[in-house]
Amino acid sequence: NNLYMNGPEIFNFTIKAVPKVVSETLEKNNTNLEDIDYIIFHQANKYMNDYLRKKINIPKDKFYLNLLHTGNTVSATIPIAIKDCLDNNIIKKGDKVLLVGFGVGYSWGGTIVII
């Protein structure tokens, strides 16, 4: 009757899956990281997202991190992040934004949207 999450196993899965989904998403869209205006990942936890940002070589000023304000809101993290970025003029109409989600059931995915 208990819910258990194996944190280290999830971390190891994520640090392998997310860089791959980033490169595959960029490749499928015939673009590169330099052409992306902003990047929003699922807001899992600060340590993991910082680790991934550094591993993928994403500049800090192009990477959304707002866990201290909102926490991990599960499947709502990316829509909340987009709204926050729009409200605070972090992203604007015409910006190319890379979105990467990962989580429940070892699932992951990425897409690029034009705001």
N, C-alpha and C. Protein backbone atom coordinates (compact mmCIF):
# COMPACT_ATOMS: atom_id res chain seq x y z
N ASN A 1 0.80 -1.19 0.00
CA ASN A 1 0.00 0.00 0.00
C ASN A 1 0.84 1.26 0.00
N ASN A 2 2.09 1.14 -0.33
CA ASN A 2 2.98 2.29 -0.34
C ASN A 2 3.46 2.58 -1.76
N LEU A 3 3.70 3.83 -2.00
CA LEU A 3 4.28 4.25 -3.27
C LEU A 3 5.78 4.39 -3.04
N TYR A 4 6.57 3.80 -3.91
CA TYR A 4 8.02 3.86 -3.77
C TYR A 4 8.63 4.34 -5.08
N MET A 5 9.58 5.26 -4.97
CA MET A 5 10.31 5.72 -6.14
C MET A 5 11.79 5.50 -5.87
N ASN A 6 12.44 4.82 -6.78
CA ASN A 6 13.88 4.58 -6.67
C ASN A 6 14.60 5.78 -7.30
N GLY A 7 14.89 6.78 -6.48
CA GLY A 7 15.48 8.02 -6.95
C GLY A 7 16.75 7.85 -7.77
N PRO A 8 17.74 7.09 -7.27
CA PRO A 8 18.97 6.92 -8.04
C PRO A 8 18.73 6.26 -9.41
N GLU A 9 17.81 5.31 -9.46
CA GLU A 9 17.51 4.65 -10.73
C GLU A 9 16.85 5.63 -11.71
N ILE A 10 15.93 6.43 -11.20
CA ILE A 10 15.26 7.44 -12.04
C ILE A 10 16.29 8.45 -12.55
N PHE A 11 17.19 8.89 -11.67
CA PHE A 11 18.23 9.84 -12.06
C PHE A 11 19.09 9.25 -13.19
N ASN A 12 19.54 8.01 -13.01
CA ASN A 12 20.39 7.38 -14.03
C ASN A 12 19.67 7.24 -15.36
N PHE A 13 18.40 6.87 -15.31
CA PHE A 13 17.60 6.79 -16.54
C PHE A 13 17.53 8.16 -17.21
N THR A 14 17.22 9.18 -16.43
CA THR A 14 16.98 10.52 -16.96
C THR A 14 18.24 11.11 -17.59
N ILE A 15 19.39 10.95 -16.94
CA ILE A 15 20.61 11.55 -17.49
C ILE A 15 21.07 10.86 -18.77
N LYS A 16 20.53 9.68 -19.05
CA LYS A 16 20.81 9.02 -20.33
C LYS A 16 19.76 9.39 -21.38
N ALA A 17 18.49 9.39 -20.98
CA ALA A 17 17.39 9.59 -21.94
C ALA A 17 17.28 11.04 -22.42
N VAL A 18 17.42 12.00 -21.51
CA VAL A 18 17.16 13.40 -21.88
C VAL A 18 18.17 13.95 -22.89
N PRO A 19 19.47 13.77 -22.70
CA PRO A 19 20.39 14.27 -23.74
C PRO A 19 20.11 13.67 -25.12
N LYS A 20 19.72 12.40 -25.12
CA LYS A 20 19.40 11.73 -26.39
C LYS A 20 18.15 12.35 -27.03
N VAL A 21 17.12 12.59 -26.23
CA VAL A 21 15.89 13.17 -26.80
C VAL A 21 16.14 14.60 -27.28
N VAL A 22 17.01 15.33 -26.60
CA VAL A 22 17.36 16.69 -27.05
C VAL A 22 18.02 16.62 -28.43
N SER A 23 19.03 15.77 -28.57
CA SER A 23 19.73 15.70 -29.87
C SER A 23 18.82 15.16 -30.96
N GLU A 24 17.97 14.18 -30.66
CA GLU A 24 17.05 13.64 -31.66
C GLU A 24 16.01 14.69 -32.08
N THR A 25 15.51 15.45 -31.12
CA THR A 25 14.52 16.48 -31.43
C THR A 25 15.13 17.56 -32.31
N LEU A 26 16.33 17.98 -31.99
CA LEU A 26 17.02 18.98 -32.81
C LEU A 26 17.26 18.45 -34.22
N GLU A 27 17.73 17.21 -34.29
CA GLU A 27 18.02 16.60 -35.59
C GLU A 27 16.76 16.46 -36.44
N LYS A 28 15.68 15.98 -35.85
CA LYS A 28 14.43 15.79 -36.61
C LYS A 28 13.85 17.11 -37.09
N ASN A 29 14.22 18.20 -36.43
CA ASN A 29 13.73 19.52 -36.82
C ASN A 29 14.77 20.31 -37.60
N ASN A 30 15.83 19.63 -38.03
CA ASN A 30 16.90 20.24 -38.83
C ASN A 30 17.40 21.55 -38.22
N THR A 31 17.69 21.50 -36.93
CA THR A 31 18.19 22.69 -36.24
C THR A 31 19.26 22.28 -35.24
N ASN A 32 19.81 23.25 -34.56
CA ASN A 32 20.81 22.97 -33.53
C ASN A 32 20.52 23.83 -32.30
N LEU A 33 21.22 23.55 -31.23
CA LEU A 33 20.98 24.22 -29.96
C LEU A 33 21.16 25.73 -30.07
N GLU A 34 22.09 26.17 -30.89
CA GLU A 34 22.35 27.60 -31.03
C GLU A 34 21.17 28.35 -31.65
N ASP A 35 20.35 27.64 -32.44
CA ASP A 35 19.19 28.27 -33.09
C ASP A 35 17.95 28.29 -32.20
N ILE A 36 18.03 27.68 -31.04
CA ILE A 36 16.91 27.64 -30.10
C ILE A 36 17.00 28.87 -29.20
N ASP A 37 15.89 29.59 -29.07
CA ASP A 37 15.88 30.80 -28.24
C ASP A 37 15.78 30.49 -26.75
N TYR A 38 15.05 29.43 -26.40
CA TYR A 38 14.86 29.11 -24.99
C TYR A 38 14.53 27.63 -24.84
N ILE A 39 14.88 27.08 -23.68
CA ILE A 39 14.70 25.65 -23.43
C ILE A 39 13.95 25.46 -22.12
N ILE A 40 12.89 24.66 -22.19
CA ILE A 40 12.10 24.36 -21.00
C ILE A 40 12.05 22.85 -20.84
N PHE A 41 12.57 22.37 -19.71
CA PHE A 41 12.48 20.96 -19.34
C PHE A 41 11.39 20.80 -18.29
N HIS A 42 10.90 19.57 -18.17
CA HIS A 42 10.05 19.23 -17.03
C HIS A 42 10.81 19.63 -15.77
N GLN A 43 10.13 20.25 -14.84
CA GLN A 43 10.77 20.73 -13.62
C GLN A 43 10.80 19.62 -12.57
N ALA A 44 11.66 18.64 -12.78
CA ALA A 44 11.76 17.47 -11.90
C ALA A 44 12.33 17.85 -10.54
N ASN A 45 13.57 18.27 -10.56
CA ASN A 45 14.21 18.81 -9.35
C ASN A 45 15.42 19.62 -9.78
N LYS A 46 15.83 20.55 -8.95
CA LYS A 46 16.89 21.50 -9.31
C LYS A 46 18.20 20.79 -9.62
N TYR A 47 18.59 19.84 -8.79
CA TYR A 47 19.86 19.15 -8.99
C TYR A 47 19.88 18.45 -10.36
N MET A 48 18.82 17.72 -10.67
CA MET A 48 18.77 16.98 -11.93
C MET A 48 18.77 17.94 -13.13
N ASN A 49 17.97 18.98 -13.06
CA ASN A 49 17.91 19.90 -14.19
C ASN A 49 19.22 20.66 -14.38
N ASP A 50 19.86 21.06 -13.29
CA ASP A 50 21.18 21.70 -13.40
C ASP A 50 22.19 20.74 -14.01
N TYR A 51 22.16 19.50 -13.56
CA TYR A 51 23.07 18.48 -14.08
C TYR A 51 22.86 18.30 -15.59
N LEU A 52 21.60 18.18 -16.00
CA LEU A 52 21.30 18.00 -17.43
C LEU A 52 21.70 19.22 -18.25
N ARG A 53 21.43 20.40 -17.73
CA ARG A 53 21.80 21.64 -18.44
C ARG A 53 23.30 21.66 -18.72
N LYS A 54 24.08 21.33 -17.70
CA LYS A 54 25.54 21.33 -17.86
C LYS A 54 26.00 20.22 -18.81
N LYS A 55 25.41 19.03 -18.67
CA LYS A 55 25.80 17.89 -19.51
C LYS A 55 25.54 18.16 -20.99
N ILE A 56 24.44 18.86 -21.28
CA ILE A 56 24.06 19.13 -22.67
C ILE A 56 24.67 20.45 -23.17
N ASN A 57 25.34 21.17 -22.28
CA ASN A 57 25.96 22.46 -22.62
C ASN A 57 24.95 23.53 -23.02
N ILE A 58 23.90 23.64 -22.21
CA ILE A 58 22.89 24.66 -22.44
C ILE A 58 23.27 25.89 -21.63
N PRO A 59 23.37 27.06 -22.27
CA PRO A 59 23.67 28.28 -21.51
C PRO A 59 22.58 28.54 -20.46
N LYS A 60 23.01 28.97 -19.29
CA LYS A 60 22.10 29.21 -18.18
C LYS A 60 21.01 30.22 -18.53
N ASP A 61 21.35 31.21 -19.35
CA ASP A 61 20.37 32.26 -19.68
C ASP A 61 19.32 31.81 -20.70
N LYS A 62 19.48 30.61 -21.25
CA LYS A 62 18.49 30.07 -22.19
C LYS A 62 17.69 28.92 -21.57
N PHE A 63 17.86 28.69 -20.27
CA PHE A 63 17.31 27.49 -19.62
C PHE A 63 16.38 27.87 -18.48
N TYR A 64 15.16 27.39 -18.55
CA TYR A 64 14.15 27.69 -17.53
C TYR A 64 14.36 26.82 -16.30
N LEU A 65 14.37 27.46 -15.13
CA LEU A 65 14.43 26.74 -13.86
C LEU A 65 13.66 27.57 -12.85
N ASN A 66 12.53 27.05 -12.39
CA ASN A 66 11.69 27.80 -11.47
C ASN A 66 11.16 26.91 -10.35
N LEU A 67 11.92 25.92 -9.97
CA LEU A 67 11.48 24.99 -8.94
C LEU A 67 11.31 25.63 -7.58
N LEU A 68 12.09 26.65 -7.29
CA LEU A 68 11.99 27.29 -5.97
C LEU A 68 10.65 27.99 -5.81
N HIS A 69 10.06 28.41 -6.92
CA HIS A 69 8.78 29.12 -6.88
C HIS A 69 7.57 28.18 -6.96
N THR A 70 7.65 27.20 -7.87
CA THR A 70 6.49 26.34 -8.11
C THR A 70 6.65 24.90 -7.67
N GLY A 71 7.87 24.43 -7.54
CA GLY A 71 8.08 23.02 -7.22
C GLY A 71 7.79 22.14 -8.42
N ASN A 72 7.76 20.84 -8.20
CA ASN A 72 7.48 19.87 -9.25
C ASN A 72 5.97 19.67 -9.30
N THR A 73 5.34 20.20 -10.31
CA THR A 73 3.89 20.09 -10.47
C THR A 73 3.52 18.98 -11.45
N VAL A 74 4.37 17.99 -11.54
CA VAL A 74 4.19 16.79 -12.34
C VAL A 74 3.93 17.15 -13.80
N SER A 75 2.85 16.69 -14.39
CA SER A 75 2.62 16.90 -15.83
C SER A 75 2.29 18.35 -16.19
N ALA A 76 2.10 19.19 -15.20
CA ALA A 76 1.78 20.60 -15.48
C ALA A 76 3.02 21.49 -15.52
N THR A 77 4.22 20.94 -15.28
CA THR A 77 5.40 21.81 -15.18
C THR A 77 5.68 22.58 -16.47
N ILE A 78 5.55 21.95 -17.61
CA ILE A 78 5.86 22.65 -18.86
C ILE A 78 4.82 23.71 -19.20
N PRO A 79 3.52 23.42 -19.12
CA PRO A 79 2.55 24.51 -19.36
C PRO A 79 2.70 25.67 -18.37
N ILE A 80 2.95 25.37 -17.11
CA ILE A 80 3.17 26.43 -16.12
C ILE A 80 4.41 27.24 -16.49
N ALA A 81 5.46 26.56 -16.92
CA ALA A 81 6.70 27.24 -17.31
C ALA A 81 6.47 28.16 -18.51
N ILE A 82 5.74 27.68 -19.50
CA ILE A 82 5.45 28.51 -20.67
C ILE A 82 4.69 29.77 -20.25
N LYS A 83 3.68 29.61 -19.43
CA LYS A 83 2.89 30.76 -18.95
C LYS A 83 3.78 31.73 -18.19
N ASP A 84 4.62 31.22 -17.31
CA ASP A 84 5.52 32.06 -16.53
C ASP A 84 6.48 32.82 -17.45
N CYS A 85 7.02 32.13 -18.44
CA CYS A 85 7.95 32.78 -19.39
C CYS A 85 7.26 33.87 -20.20
N LEU A 86 6.03 33.62 -20.61
CA LEU A 86 5.28 34.64 -21.35
C LEU A 86 4.95 35.83 -20.46
N ASP A 87 4.49 35.56 -19.25
CA ASP A 87 4.12 36.63 -18.32
C ASP A 87 5.30 37.53 -17.96
N ASN A 88 6.50 36.94 -17.95
CA ASN A 88 7.70 37.68 -17.54
C ASN A 88 8.58 38.08 -18.72
N ASN A 89 8.02 38.01 -19.93
CA ASN A 89 8.74 38.40 -21.15
C ASN A 89 10.07 37.68 -21.34
N ILE A 90 10.14 36.45 -20.87
CA ILE A 90 11.33 35.63 -21.08
C ILE A 90 11.31 35.06 -22.50
N ILE A 91 10.13 34.68 -22.94
CA ILE A 91 9.93 34.27 -24.33
C ILE A 91 8.87 35.18 -24.94
N LYS A 92 8.95 35.32 -26.27
CA LYS A 92 8.01 36.22 -26.95
C LYS A 92 7.60 35.60 -28.29
N LYS A 93 6.62 36.20 -28.90
CA LYS A 93 6.13 35.73 -30.19
C LYS A 93 7.28 35.59 -31.18
N GLY A 94 7.32 34.44 -31.83
CA GLY A 94 8.36 34.17 -32.81
C GLY A 94 9.54 33.39 -32.27
N ASP A 95 9.67 33.30 -30.94
CA ASP A 95 10.78 32.54 -30.36
C ASP A 95 10.62 31.05 -30.63
N LYS A 96 11.75 30.40 -30.85
CA LYS A 96 11.80 28.96 -31.04
C LYS A 96 12.18 28.34 -29.69
N VAL A 97 11.26 27.53 -29.13
CA VAL A 97 11.44 26.99 -27.79
C VAL A 97 11.46 25.46 -27.84
N LEU A 98 12.50 24.89 -27.24
CA LEU A 98 12.62 23.44 -27.11
C LEU A 98 11.97 23.01 -25.80
N LEU A 99 11.01 22.10 -25.89
CA LEU A 99 10.32 21.57 -24.72
C LEU A 99 10.70 20.11 -24.55
N VAL A 100 11.08 19.72 -23.34
CA VAL A 100 11.46 18.33 -23.07
C VAL A 100 10.76 17.86 -21.80
N GLY A 101 9.98 16.80 -21.96
CA GLY A 101 9.29 16.22 -20.81
C GLY A 101 9.82 14.82 -20.53
N PHE A 102 9.79 14.45 -19.28
CA PHE A 102 10.22 13.10 -18.88
C PHE A 102 9.60 12.79 -17.53
N GLY A 103 9.42 11.50 -17.27
CA GLY A 103 8.85 11.17 -15.97
C GLY A 103 8.17 9.83 -15.89
N VAL A 104 6.92 9.85 -15.46
CA VAL A 104 6.16 8.67 -15.08
C VAL A 104 6.30 7.54 -16.09
N GLY A 105 6.58 6.35 -15.57
CA GLY A 105 6.67 5.17 -16.42
C GLY A 105 7.87 5.19 -17.35
N TYR A 106 8.91 5.90 -16.97
CA TYR A 106 10.10 6.02 -17.81
C TYR A 106 9.74 6.53 -19.20
N SER A 107 8.92 7.55 -19.23
CA SER A 107 8.52 8.15 -20.50
C SER A 107 9.30 9.44 -20.73
N TRP A 108 9.42 9.83 -21.98
CA TRP A 108 10.13 11.06 -22.32
C TRP A 108 9.70 11.51 -23.71
N GLY A 109 9.92 12.77 -23.99
CA GLY A 109 9.60 13.29 -25.31
C GLY A 109 10.07 14.72 -25.43
N GLY A 110 10.21 15.16 -26.66
CA GLY A 110 10.65 16.52 -26.91
C GLY A 110 9.99 17.07 -28.16
N THR A 111 9.88 18.38 -28.21
CA THR A 111 9.35 19.05 -29.39
C THR A 111 9.88 20.48 -29.42
N ILE A 112 9.76 21.10 -30.56
CA ILE A 112 10.13 22.51 -30.71
C ILE A 112 8.87 23.25 -31.12
N VAL A 113 8.58 24.34 -30.43
CA VAL A 113 7.42 25.16 -30.77
C VAL A 113 7.88 26.57 -31.09
N ILE A 114 7.15 27.20 -31.98
CA ILE A 114 7.36 28.61 -32.27
C ILE A 114 6.26 29.36 -31.53
N ILE A 115 6.64 30.25 -30.65
CA ILE A 115 5.66 30.98 -29.83
C ILE A 115 4.92 31.99 -30.69
